[in-house]
Amino acid sequence: MSPEKVVFGTAVEALFVRELGASLSDLDRRRLREAGLDLERPLEVSYPLDEWKTFVHVASQAIYPHLSPVEAHWWMGIHYMEGYLQTFTGRVVAELAPALGPRRMLERIGQDLRSGNNFSEVSLVGHSPRRFELWMNDVLDDVPSFAAGFILRAQQLSGARNVHVDVASYDGTSCTFDIRWREAQVVNG
């Protein structure tokens, strides 16, 4: 029997404390508390994936009530990456990203995801120097646009410009993304 899928407290901290914390109203915090995430108490070491998905859903509705779920969850993915960049590990990744470049940034995304959960697996297929297919076994959400948002932001950090992250296939859990960009900013070392 495989272990329960859990999201580590560090990932919860990145999104809900570091990135969204200041923008959450008392009502938003109450809704999250009712869903099982009390931001006034120390975070748990880990949370079941289903609870994480609920937290993301509650926050996306609270912060982006005027957007469709696809758009709101895309922005939550961007926020997740921004919060991750505020952590020690994220700051290191941000420093390395331009030197890594877009391709190598994609190659390490599985490692980065595994620092936030116990289940992420990815595979990467290159179609050209600026077009890749990335498969994820679980998109960390019920909407694949969450993962698309943080992938896009990671690619931008690595110097990719005019980035597109499209869903090629999605089965409700795993997803294949078509990722392409027109150019990459050159880093002089």
N, C-alpha and C. Protein backbone atom coordinates (compact mmCIF):
# COMPACT_ATOMS: atom_id res chain seq x y z
N MET A 1 0.85 -1.18 0.00
CA MET A 1 0.00 0.00 0.00
C MET A 1 0.90 1.25 0.00
N SER A 2 0.59 2.18 -0.87
CA SER A 2 1.40 3.40 -0.96
C SER A 2 1.01 4.36 0.17
N PRO A 3 1.99 5.16 0.60
CA PRO A 3 1.70 6.10 1.69
C PRO A 3 0.71 7.18 1.24
N GLU A 4 0.06 7.77 2.22
CA GLU A 4 -0.88 8.87 1.94
C GLU A 4 -0.12 10.03 1.31
N LYS A 5 -0.73 10.65 0.32
CA LYS A 5 -0.14 11.83 -0.30
C LYS A 5 -0.30 13.00 0.65
N VAL A 6 0.84 13.61 1.00
CA VAL A 6 0.80 14.76 1.89
C VAL A 6 1.61 15.91 1.31
N VAL A 7 1.18 17.11 1.65
CA VAL A 7 1.90 18.34 1.32
C VAL A 7 2.54 18.81 2.61
N PHE A 8 3.84 19.10 2.55
CA PHE A 8 4.57 19.48 3.75
C PHE A 8 4.20 20.89 4.21
N GLY A 9 4.35 21.11 5.49
CA GLY A 9 4.05 22.42 6.07
C GLY A 9 4.83 23.54 5.43
N THR A 10 6.02 23.24 4.91
CA THR A 10 6.82 24.28 4.24
C THR A 10 6.11 24.83 3.01
N ALA A 11 5.41 23.96 2.28
CA ALA A 11 4.66 24.41 1.10
C ALA A 11 3.45 25.24 1.53
N VAL A 12 2.79 24.79 2.59
CA VAL A 12 1.64 25.54 3.12
C VAL A 12 2.12 26.91 3.58
N GLU A 13 3.25 26.94 4.28
CA GLU A 13 3.81 28.21 4.73
C GLU A 13 4.13 29.13 3.55
N ALA A 14 4.73 28.57 2.51
CA ALA A 14 5.11 29.39 1.34
C ALA A 14 3.90 30.10 0.75
N LEU A 15 2.82 29.37 0.53
CA LEU A 15 1.64 29.96 -0.12
C LEU A 15 0.80 30.79 0.85
N PHE A 16 0.43 30.20 1.97
CA PHE A 16 -0.59 30.82 2.82
C PHE A 16 -0.04 31.79 3.86
N VAL A 17 1.22 31.66 4.24
CA VAL A 17 1.79 32.56 5.23
C VAL A 17 2.65 33.61 4.54
N ARG A 18 3.66 33.17 3.82
CA ARG A 18 4.63 34.11 3.24
C ARG A 18 4.02 34.94 2.10
N GLU A 19 3.30 34.29 1.19
CA GLU A 19 2.80 35.03 0.02
C GLU A 19 1.43 35.65 0.26
N LEU A 20 0.48 34.90 0.76
CA LEU A 20 -0.89 35.41 0.88
C LEU A 20 -1.22 36.00 2.24
N GLY A 21 -0.41 35.72 3.24
CA GLY A 21 -0.72 36.09 4.62
C GLY A 21 -1.24 37.49 4.80
N ALA A 22 -0.54 38.47 4.28
CA ALA A 22 -0.94 39.87 4.48
C ALA A 22 -2.20 40.25 3.72
N SER A 23 -2.52 39.52 2.66
CA SER A 23 -3.69 39.88 1.85
C SER A 23 -4.96 39.14 2.26
N LEU A 24 -4.86 38.23 3.23
CA LEU A 24 -6.04 37.49 3.67
C LEU A 24 -6.81 38.29 4.72
N SER A 25 -8.08 38.49 4.47
CA SER A 25 -8.93 39.21 5.42
C SER A 25 -9.26 38.29 6.60
N ASP A 26 -9.87 38.85 7.61
CA ASP A 26 -10.32 38.05 8.75
C ASP A 26 -11.32 36.99 8.29
N LEU A 27 -12.19 37.35 7.35
CA LEU A 27 -13.16 36.40 6.82
C LEU A 27 -12.45 35.27 6.07
N ASP A 28 -11.45 35.61 5.26
CA ASP A 28 -10.69 34.59 4.54
C ASP A 28 -10.01 33.64 5.52
N ARG A 29 -9.42 34.20 6.56
CA ARG A 29 -8.75 33.37 7.57
C ARG A 29 -9.75 32.46 8.29
N ARG A 30 -10.93 32.99 8.56
CA ARG A 30 -11.96 32.17 9.21
C ARG A 30 -12.37 31.02 8.30
N ARG A 31 -12.55 31.31 7.01
CA ARG A 31 -12.92 30.25 6.05
C ARG A 31 -11.83 29.18 5.96
N LEU A 32 -10.58 29.62 5.95
CA LEU A 32 -9.48 28.65 5.93
C LEU A 32 -9.46 27.84 7.23
N ARG A 33 -9.70 28.48 8.35
CA ARG A 33 -9.74 27.78 9.63
C ARG A 33 -10.85 26.73 9.62
N GLU A 34 -12.01 27.09 9.09
CA GLU A 34 -13.12 26.14 8.99
C GLU A 34 -12.79 24.96 8.08
N ALA A 35 -11.90 25.22 7.11
CA ALA A 35 -11.47 24.15 6.19
C ALA A 35 -10.33 23.31 6.78
N GLY A 36 -9.79 23.75 7.94
CA GLY A 36 -8.74 22.97 8.59
C GLY A 36 -7.37 23.62 8.65
N LEU A 37 -7.24 24.85 8.17
CA LEU A 37 -5.97 25.56 8.20
C LEU A 37 -6.09 26.79 9.09
N ASP A 38 -5.59 26.69 10.31
CA ASP A 38 -5.64 27.80 11.25
C ASP A 38 -4.30 28.53 11.18
N LEU A 39 -4.29 29.68 10.53
CA LEU A 39 -3.06 30.44 10.35
C LEU A 39 -2.62 31.18 11.61
N GLU A 40 -3.42 31.12 12.67
CA GLU A 40 -3.05 31.74 13.93
C GLU A 40 -2.30 30.76 14.84
N ARG A 41 -2.18 29.53 14.41
CA ARG A 41 -1.49 28.49 15.18
C ARG A 41 -0.28 28.00 14.40
N PRO A 42 0.65 27.36 15.05
CA PRO A 42 1.79 26.78 14.31
C PRO A 42 1.28 25.78 13.27
N LEU A 43 1.91 25.76 12.13
CA LEU A 43 1.51 24.85 11.06
C LEU A 43 1.86 23.41 11.42
N GLU A 44 1.10 22.50 10.86
CA GLU A 44 1.39 21.08 11.01
C GLU A 44 2.63 20.75 10.18
N VAL A 45 3.24 19.61 10.45
CA VAL A 45 4.39 19.15 9.68
C VAL A 45 3.96 18.84 8.24
N SER A 46 2.76 18.28 8.11
CA SER A 46 2.23 17.97 6.78
C SER A 46 0.70 17.97 6.83
N TYR A 47 0.13 18.06 5.64
CA TYR A 47 -1.33 18.06 5.49
C TYR A 47 -1.69 17.08 4.38
N PRO A 48 -2.78 16.32 4.55
CA PRO A 48 -3.21 15.46 3.46
C PRO A 48 -3.48 16.28 2.19
N LEU A 49 -3.17 15.70 1.04
CA LEU A 49 -3.34 16.40 -0.23
C LEU A 49 -4.75 16.95 -0.39
N ASP A 50 -5.76 16.18 0.01
CA ASP A 50 -7.14 16.67 -0.14
C ASP A 50 -7.39 17.94 0.68
N GLU A 51 -6.77 18.04 1.86
CA GLU A 51 -6.91 19.27 2.64
C GLU A 51 -6.22 20.43 1.93
N TRP A 52 -5.01 20.20 1.41
CA TRP A 52 -4.29 21.24 0.65
C TRP A 52 -5.17 21.75 -0.48
N LYS A 53 -5.78 20.82 -1.23
CA LYS A 53 -6.64 21.22 -2.36
C LYS A 53 -7.79 22.09 -1.87
N THR A 54 -8.36 21.73 -0.72
CA THR A 54 -9.45 22.54 -0.16
C THR A 54 -8.95 23.93 0.21
N PHE A 55 -7.76 24.01 0.83
CA PHE A 55 -7.20 25.30 1.20
C PHE A 55 -7.00 26.19 -0.04
N VAL A 56 -6.45 25.60 -1.11
CA VAL A 56 -6.22 26.35 -2.35
C VAL A 56 -7.55 26.82 -2.93
N HIS A 57 -8.54 25.96 -2.90
CA HIS A 57 -9.86 26.31 -3.43
C HIS A 57 -10.49 27.45 -2.63
N VAL A 58 -10.45 27.34 -1.30
CA VAL A 58 -11.03 28.38 -0.44
C VAL A 58 -10.32 29.72 -0.69
N ALA A 59 -8.99 29.69 -0.70
CA ALA A 59 -8.24 30.94 -0.90
C ALA A 59 -8.46 31.52 -2.29
N SER A 60 -8.52 30.67 -3.30
CA SER A 60 -8.72 31.19 -4.67
C SER A 60 -10.08 31.86 -4.81
N GLN A 61 -11.10 31.29 -4.19
CA GLN A 61 -12.42 31.91 -4.23
C GLN A 61 -12.43 33.22 -3.44
N ALA A 62 -11.72 33.24 -2.33
CA ALA A 62 -11.70 34.45 -1.49
C ALA A 62 -10.96 35.59 -2.17
N ILE A 63 -9.83 35.29 -2.77
CA ILE A 63 -8.98 36.33 -3.35
C ILE A 63 -9.42 36.72 -4.75
N TYR A 64 -9.93 35.75 -5.50
CA TYR A 64 -10.31 36.00 -6.90
C TYR A 64 -11.75 35.60 -7.18
N PRO A 65 -12.73 36.17 -6.45
CA PRO A 65 -14.12 35.77 -6.67
C PRO A 65 -14.65 36.14 -8.05
N HIS A 66 -14.01 37.10 -8.69
CA HIS A 66 -14.46 37.58 -9.99
C HIS A 66 -13.88 36.77 -11.15
N LEU A 67 -12.98 35.84 -10.87
CA LEU A 67 -12.35 35.05 -11.93
C LEU A 67 -12.93 33.64 -12.00
N SER A 68 -12.78 33.01 -13.15
CA SER A 68 -13.18 31.61 -13.28
C SER A 68 -12.24 30.76 -12.43
N PRO A 69 -12.65 29.55 -12.05
CA PRO A 69 -11.75 28.69 -11.28
C PRO A 69 -10.41 28.44 -11.99
N VAL A 70 -10.42 28.30 -13.30
CA VAL A 70 -9.18 28.08 -14.04
C VAL A 70 -8.24 29.26 -13.86
N GLU A 71 -8.75 30.47 -14.03
CA GLU A 71 -7.91 31.67 -13.88
C GLU A 71 -7.47 31.88 -12.43
N ALA A 72 -8.40 31.68 -11.49
CA ALA A 72 -8.07 31.88 -10.07
C ALA A 72 -6.99 30.90 -9.63
N HIS A 73 -7.09 29.66 -10.05
CA HIS A 73 -6.10 28.66 -9.64
C HIS A 73 -4.77 28.91 -10.35
N TRP A 74 -4.78 29.45 -11.54
CA TRP A 74 -3.54 29.82 -12.23
C TRP A 74 -2.81 30.87 -11.40
N TRP A 75 -3.55 31.88 -10.92
CA TRP A 75 -2.94 32.90 -10.08
C TRP A 75 -2.44 32.32 -8.76
N MET A 76 -3.16 31.34 -8.23
CA MET A 76 -2.70 30.69 -7.00
C MET A 76 -1.37 29.97 -7.24
N GLY A 77 -1.19 29.40 -8.42
CA GLY A 77 0.09 28.78 -8.77
C GLY A 77 1.21 29.80 -8.82
N ILE A 78 0.92 30.97 -9.38
CA ILE A 78 1.90 32.06 -9.39
C ILE A 78 2.25 32.45 -7.95
N HIS A 79 1.21 32.61 -7.12
CA HIS A 79 1.44 32.96 -5.71
C HIS A 79 2.27 31.89 -5.00
N TYR A 80 1.99 30.62 -5.30
CA TYR A 80 2.75 29.54 -4.69
C TYR A 80 4.24 29.70 -5.00
N MET A 81 4.56 29.96 -6.26
CA MET A 81 5.97 30.13 -6.63
C MET A 81 6.55 31.35 -5.94
N GLU A 82 5.81 32.44 -5.88
CA GLU A 82 6.32 33.64 -5.22
C GLU A 82 6.57 33.39 -3.73
N GLY A 83 5.69 32.64 -3.09
CA GLY A 83 5.91 32.29 -1.68
C GLY A 83 7.10 31.36 -1.51
N TYR A 84 7.25 30.41 -2.41
CA TYR A 84 8.40 29.50 -2.38
C TYR A 84 9.70 30.28 -2.48
N LEU A 85 9.71 31.32 -3.31
CA LEU A 85 10.91 32.13 -3.49
C LEU A 85 11.28 32.92 -2.23
N GLN A 86 10.36 33.01 -1.28
CA GLN A 86 10.64 33.69 -0.02
C GLN A 86 11.21 32.75 1.04
N THR A 87 11.28 31.46 0.71
CA THR A 87 11.88 30.50 1.64
C THR A 87 13.37 30.41 1.38
N PHE A 88 14.11 29.80 2.30
CA PHE A 88 15.56 29.65 2.11
C PHE A 88 15.87 28.91 0.81
N THR A 89 15.23 27.77 0.61
CA THR A 89 15.47 26.98 -0.60
C THR A 89 15.06 27.76 -1.84
N GLY A 90 13.94 28.43 -1.76
CA GLY A 90 13.46 29.22 -2.89
C GLY A 90 14.39 30.35 -3.27
N ARG A 91 14.99 30.99 -2.28
CA ARG A 91 15.95 32.06 -2.56
C ARG A 91 17.17 31.51 -3.30
N VAL A 92 17.61 30.31 -2.93
CA VAL A 92 18.73 29.67 -3.62
C VAL A 92 18.34 29.37 -5.07
N VAL A 93 17.15 28.82 -5.25
CA VAL A 93 16.68 28.52 -6.61
C VAL A 93 16.58 29.80 -7.44
N ALA A 94 16.07 30.88 -6.85
CA ALA A 94 15.95 32.15 -7.57
C ALA A 94 17.32 32.66 -8.01
N GLU A 95 18.32 32.50 -7.15
CA GLU A 95 19.68 32.92 -7.51
C GLU A 95 20.24 32.09 -8.65
N LEU A 96 19.95 30.79 -8.64
CA LEU A 96 20.48 29.88 -9.66
C LEU A 96 19.70 29.90 -10.97
N ALA A 97 18.43 30.27 -10.91
CA ALA A 97 17.53 30.14 -12.06
C ALA A 97 18.07 30.77 -13.35
N PRO A 98 18.55 32.01 -13.33
CA PRO A 98 19.04 32.58 -14.58
C PRO A 98 20.24 31.82 -15.16
N ALA A 99 21.10 31.32 -14.29
CA ALA A 99 22.26 30.56 -14.77
C ALA A 99 21.84 29.18 -15.28
N LEU A 100 20.81 28.60 -14.67
CA LEU A 100 20.33 27.29 -15.12
C LEU A 100 19.72 27.39 -16.51
N GLY A 101 18.94 28.42 -16.74
CA GLY A 101 18.22 28.56 -17.99
C GLY A 101 16.94 27.74 -17.99
N PRO A 102 16.08 27.97 -18.98
CA PRO A 102 14.75 27.34 -18.99
C PRO A 102 14.77 25.81 -19.03
N ARG A 103 15.61 25.21 -19.85
CA ARG A 103 15.61 23.75 -19.97
C ARG A 103 16.01 23.10 -18.65
N ARG A 104 17.10 23.54 -18.07
CA ARG A 104 17.56 22.92 -16.81
C ARG A 104 16.61 23.23 -15.66
N MET A 105 15.95 24.37 -15.72
CA MET A 105 14.94 24.67 -14.69
C MET A 105 13.81 23.64 -14.76
N LEU A 106 13.39 23.29 -15.97
CA LEU A 106 12.37 22.26 -16.12
C LEU A 106 12.87 20.91 -15.64
N GLU A 107 14.14 20.62 -15.90
CA GLU A 107 14.71 19.33 -15.49
C GLU A 107 14.71 19.16 -13.98
N ARG A 108 14.80 20.24 -13.23
CA ARG A 108 14.86 20.14 -11.78
C ARG A 108 13.51 20.36 -11.08
N ILE A 109 12.45 20.56 -11.85
CA ILE A 109 11.17 20.89 -11.23
C ILE A 109 10.66 19.76 -10.33
N GLY A 110 10.93 18.52 -10.70
CA GLY A 110 10.51 17.41 -9.85
C GLY A 110 11.16 17.46 -8.49
N GLN A 111 12.45 17.75 -8.47
CA GLN A 111 13.20 17.88 -7.21
C GLN A 111 12.62 19.01 -6.37
N ASP A 112 12.32 20.13 -7.00
CA ASP A 112 11.76 21.26 -6.27
C ASP A 112 10.37 20.93 -5.70
N LEU A 113 9.56 20.24 -6.50
CA LEU A 113 8.23 19.86 -6.02
C LEU A 113 8.31 18.89 -4.85
N ARG A 114 9.26 17.96 -4.91
CA ARG A 114 9.39 16.97 -3.85
C ARG A 114 9.84 17.60 -2.53
N SER A 115 10.37 18.81 -2.57
CA SER A 115 10.71 19.47 -1.30
C SER A 115 9.43 19.96 -0.61
N GLY A 116 8.31 19.95 -1.31
CA GLY A 116 7.05 20.40 -0.75
C GLY A 116 6.00 19.32 -0.55
N ASN A 117 6.29 18.08 -0.99
CA ASN A 117 5.34 16.99 -0.82
C ASN A 117 6.06 15.64 -0.91
N ASN A 118 5.34 14.57 -0.67
CA ASN A 118 5.95 13.24 -0.69
C ASN A 118 5.59 12.40 -1.92
N PHE A 119 5.05 13.02 -2.97
CA PHE A 119 4.52 12.21 -4.05
C PHE A 119 4.81 12.69 -5.47
N SER A 120 5.28 13.88 -5.66
CA SER A 120 5.43 14.42 -7.02
C SER A 120 6.46 13.65 -7.83
N GLU A 121 6.05 13.32 -9.04
CA GLU A 121 6.94 12.73 -10.03
C GLU A 121 6.71 13.49 -11.33
N VAL A 122 7.77 13.73 -12.05
CA VAL A 122 7.66 14.40 -13.35
C VAL A 122 8.56 13.70 -14.35
N SER A 123 8.21 13.85 -15.61
CA SER A 123 9.11 13.43 -16.69
C SER A 123 9.05 14.51 -17.75
N LEU A 124 10.13 14.63 -18.49
CA LEU A 124 10.30 15.71 -19.44
C LEU A 124 10.74 15.15 -20.78
N VAL A 125 10.08 15.63 -21.84
CA VAL A 125 10.46 15.25 -23.20
C VAL A 125 10.70 16.53 -23.98
N GLY A 126 11.87 16.63 -24.57
CA GLY A 126 12.20 17.80 -25.38
C GLY A 126 11.79 17.59 -26.82
N HIS A 127 11.12 18.58 -27.39
CA HIS A 127 10.72 18.54 -28.80
C HIS A 127 11.57 19.48 -29.65
N SER A 128 12.10 20.50 -29.01
CA SER A 128 13.01 21.45 -29.66
C SER A 128 13.72 22.18 -28.53
N PRO A 129 14.70 23.03 -28.83
CA PRO A 129 15.40 23.73 -27.74
C PRO A 129 14.49 24.60 -26.86
N ARG A 130 13.33 25.00 -27.38
CA ARG A 130 12.43 25.86 -26.60
C ARG A 130 11.01 25.32 -26.55
N ARG A 131 10.88 24.01 -26.66
CA ARG A 131 9.55 23.38 -26.52
C ARG A 131 9.71 22.02 -25.85
N PHE A 132 9.01 21.87 -24.72
CA PHE A 132 9.09 20.65 -23.94
C PHE A 132 7.71 20.19 -23.53
N GLU A 133 7.62 18.92 -23.29
CA GLU A 133 6.41 18.32 -22.74
C GLU A 133 6.77 17.85 -21.34
N LEU A 134 6.02 18.30 -20.37
CA LEU A 134 6.29 17.93 -18.98
C LEU A 134 5.07 17.20 -18.44
N TRP A 135 5.29 15.97 -17.96
CA TRP A 135 4.23 15.19 -17.34
C TRP A 135 4.41 15.24 -15.84
N MET A 136 3.30 15.49 -15.13
CA MET A 136 3.27 15.45 -13.66
C MET A 136 2.27 14.39 -13.24
N ASN A 137 2.66 13.55 -12.27
CA ASN A 137 1.75 12.51 -11.80
C ASN A 137 0.56 13.08 -11.03
N ASP A 138 0.72 14.28 -10.46
CA ASP A 138 -0.36 14.90 -9.70
C ASP A 138 -0.15 16.41 -9.73
N VAL A 139 -1.16 17.16 -10.13
CA VAL A 139 -1.02 18.61 -10.30
C VAL A 139 -1.27 19.41 -9.01
N LEU A 140 -1.39 18.72 -7.87
CA LEU A 140 -1.54 19.37 -6.56
C LEU A 140 -2.84 20.15 -6.40
N ASP A 141 -3.79 19.93 -7.27
CA ASP A 141 -5.02 20.70 -7.28
C ASP A 141 -6.03 19.93 -8.11
N ASP A 142 -7.28 20.36 -8.09
CA ASP A 142 -8.28 19.76 -8.97
C ASP A 142 -8.30 20.46 -10.32
N VAL A 143 -7.54 21.52 -10.44
CA VAL A 143 -7.48 22.32 -11.66
C VAL A 143 -6.01 22.39 -12.09
N PRO A 144 -5.67 21.90 -13.29
CA PRO A 144 -4.25 21.88 -13.68
C PRO A 144 -3.64 23.27 -13.88
N SER A 145 -4.46 24.29 -13.93
CA SER A 145 -3.92 25.64 -14.11
C SER A 145 -3.07 26.08 -12.92
N PHE A 146 -3.28 25.48 -11.74
CA PHE A 146 -2.42 25.79 -10.58
C PHE A 146 -0.97 25.45 -10.92
N ALA A 147 -0.75 24.23 -11.39
CA ALA A 147 0.61 23.81 -11.76
C ALA A 147 1.12 24.63 -12.94
N ALA A 148 0.26 24.92 -13.90
CA ALA A 148 0.67 25.74 -15.05
C ALA A 148 1.17 27.10 -14.59
N GLY A 149 0.53 27.67 -13.58
CA GLY A 149 0.94 28.98 -13.06
C GLY A 149 2.33 28.94 -12.46
N PHE A 150 2.62 27.92 -11.64
CA PHE A 150 3.96 27.93 -11.04
C PHE A 150 5.02 27.50 -12.03
N ILE A 151 4.68 26.67 -13.02
CA ILE A 151 5.65 26.32 -14.06
C ILE A 151 5.99 27.57 -14.88
N LEU A 152 4.99 28.32 -15.26
CA LEU A 152 5.22 29.55 -16.03
C LEU A 152 6.13 30.50 -15.27
N ARG A 153 5.86 30.70 -13.99
CA ARG A 153 6.67 31.63 -13.20
C ARG A 153 8.10 31.13 -13.05
N ALA A 154 8.28 29.83 -12.90
CA ALA A 154 9.63 29.27 -12.82
C ALA A 154 10.39 29.49 -14.12
N GLN A 155 9.70 29.34 -15.24
CA GLN A 155 10.35 29.56 -16.53
C GLN A 155 10.73 31.03 -16.71
N GLN A 156 9.88 31.92 -16.27
CA GLN A 156 10.22 33.34 -16.35
C GLN A 156 11.46 33.65 -15.51
N LEU A 157 11.54 33.06 -14.33
CA LEU A 157 12.71 33.27 -13.46
C LEU A 157 14.00 32.80 -14.12
N SER A 158 13.89 31.76 -14.93
CA SER A 158 15.07 31.18 -15.57
C SER A 158 15.49 31.94 -16.82
N GLY A 159 14.75 32.98 -17.16
CA GLY A 159 15.11 33.80 -18.31
C GLY A 159 14.25 33.59 -19.54
N ALA A 160 13.32 32.65 -19.51
CA ALA A 160 12.45 32.41 -20.66
C ALA A 160 11.51 33.61 -20.85
N ARG A 161 11.30 33.98 -22.09
CA ARG A 161 10.40 35.09 -22.42
C ARG A 161 9.29 34.57 -23.33
N ASN A 162 8.13 35.22 -23.25
CA ASN A 162 6.97 34.81 -24.05
C ASN A 162 6.64 33.34 -23.80
N VAL A 163 6.54 32.98 -22.52
CA VAL A 163 6.31 31.60 -22.10
C VAL A 163 4.85 31.23 -22.26
N HIS A 164 4.61 30.01 -22.74
CA HIS A 164 3.26 29.45 -22.82
C HIS A 164 3.29 28.09 -22.14
N VAL A 165 2.34 27.85 -21.25
CA VAL A 165 2.20 26.56 -20.58
C VAL A 165 0.76 26.13 -20.81
N ASP A 166 0.58 25.16 -21.69
CA ASP A 166 -0.75 24.70 -22.06
C ASP A 166 -0.96 23.26 -21.61
N VAL A 167 -2.20 22.93 -21.27
CA VAL A 167 -2.54 21.57 -20.90
C VAL A 167 -2.71 20.76 -22.18
N ALA A 168 -1.87 19.73 -22.35
CA ALA A 168 -1.97 18.84 -23.51
C ALA A 168 -2.95 17.71 -23.20
N SER A 169 -2.90 17.20 -21.96
CA SER A 169 -3.86 16.17 -21.53
C SER A 169 -3.94 16.20 -20.01
N TYR A 170 -5.12 15.84 -19.50
CA TYR A 170 -5.34 15.85 -18.06
C TYR A 170 -6.37 14.78 -17.74
N ASP A 171 -6.05 13.91 -16.79
CA ASP A 171 -6.97 12.83 -16.45
C ASP A 171 -7.66 13.01 -15.09
N GLY A 172 -7.56 14.21 -14.53
CA GLY A 172 -8.14 14.47 -13.23
C GLY A 172 -7.12 14.44 -12.11
N THR A 173 -5.95 13.87 -12.39
CA THR A 173 -4.86 13.83 -11.42
C THR A 173 -3.55 14.18 -12.09
N SER A 174 -3.17 13.37 -13.08
CA SER A 174 -1.91 13.63 -13.80
C SER A 174 -2.18 14.50 -15.01
N CYS A 175 -1.13 15.18 -15.43
CA CYS A 175 -1.30 16.14 -16.52
C CYS A 175 -0.02 16.19 -17.35
N THR A 176 -0.18 16.39 -18.63
CA THR A 176 0.93 16.67 -19.52
C THR A 176 0.78 18.10 -19.99
N PHE A 177 1.84 18.89 -19.79
CA PHE A 177 1.86 20.28 -20.20
C PHE A 177 2.75 20.45 -21.41
N ASP A 178 2.32 21.27 -22.34
CA ASP A 178 3.13 21.69 -23.47
C ASP A 178 3.71 23.05 -23.09
N ILE A 179 5.04 23.12 -22.97
CA ILE A 179 5.71 24.33 -22.50
C ILE A 179 6.62 24.83 -23.61
N ARG A 180 6.45 26.09 -23.96
CA ARG A 180 7.29 26.66 -25.02
C ARG A 180 7.54 28.13 -24.73
N TRP A 181 8.61 28.62 -25.31
CA TRP A 181 8.95 30.03 -25.18
C TRP A 181 9.68 30.45 -26.44
N ARG A 182 9.68 31.73 -26.71
CA ARG A 182 10.29 32.24 -27.94
C ARG A 182 11.77 32.51 -27.79
N GLU A 183 12.17 32.96 -26.63
CA GLU A 183 13.57 33.35 -26.44
C GLU A 183 13.90 33.19 -24.98
N ALA A 184 15.18 33.24 -24.69
CA ALA A 184 15.65 33.21 -23.32
C ALA A 184 16.68 34.31 -23.14
N GLN A 185 16.56 34.98 -22.03
CA GLN A 185 17.51 36.03 -21.70
C GLN A 185 18.86 35.37 -21.44
N VAL A 186 19.90 35.89 -22.02
CA VAL A 186 21.22 35.34 -21.85
C VAL A 186 21.84 35.91 -20.58
N VAL A 187 22.39 35.01 -19.78
CA VAL A 187 23.04 35.41 -18.53
C VAL A 187 24.55 35.43 -18.80
N ASN A 188 25.16 36.55 -18.56
CA ASN A 188 26.62 36.65 -18.70
C ASN A 188 27.26 36.22 -17.39
N GLY A 189 28.15 35.26 -17.47
CA GLY A 189 28.74 34.76 -16.25
C GLY A 189 30.14 35.13 -16.16
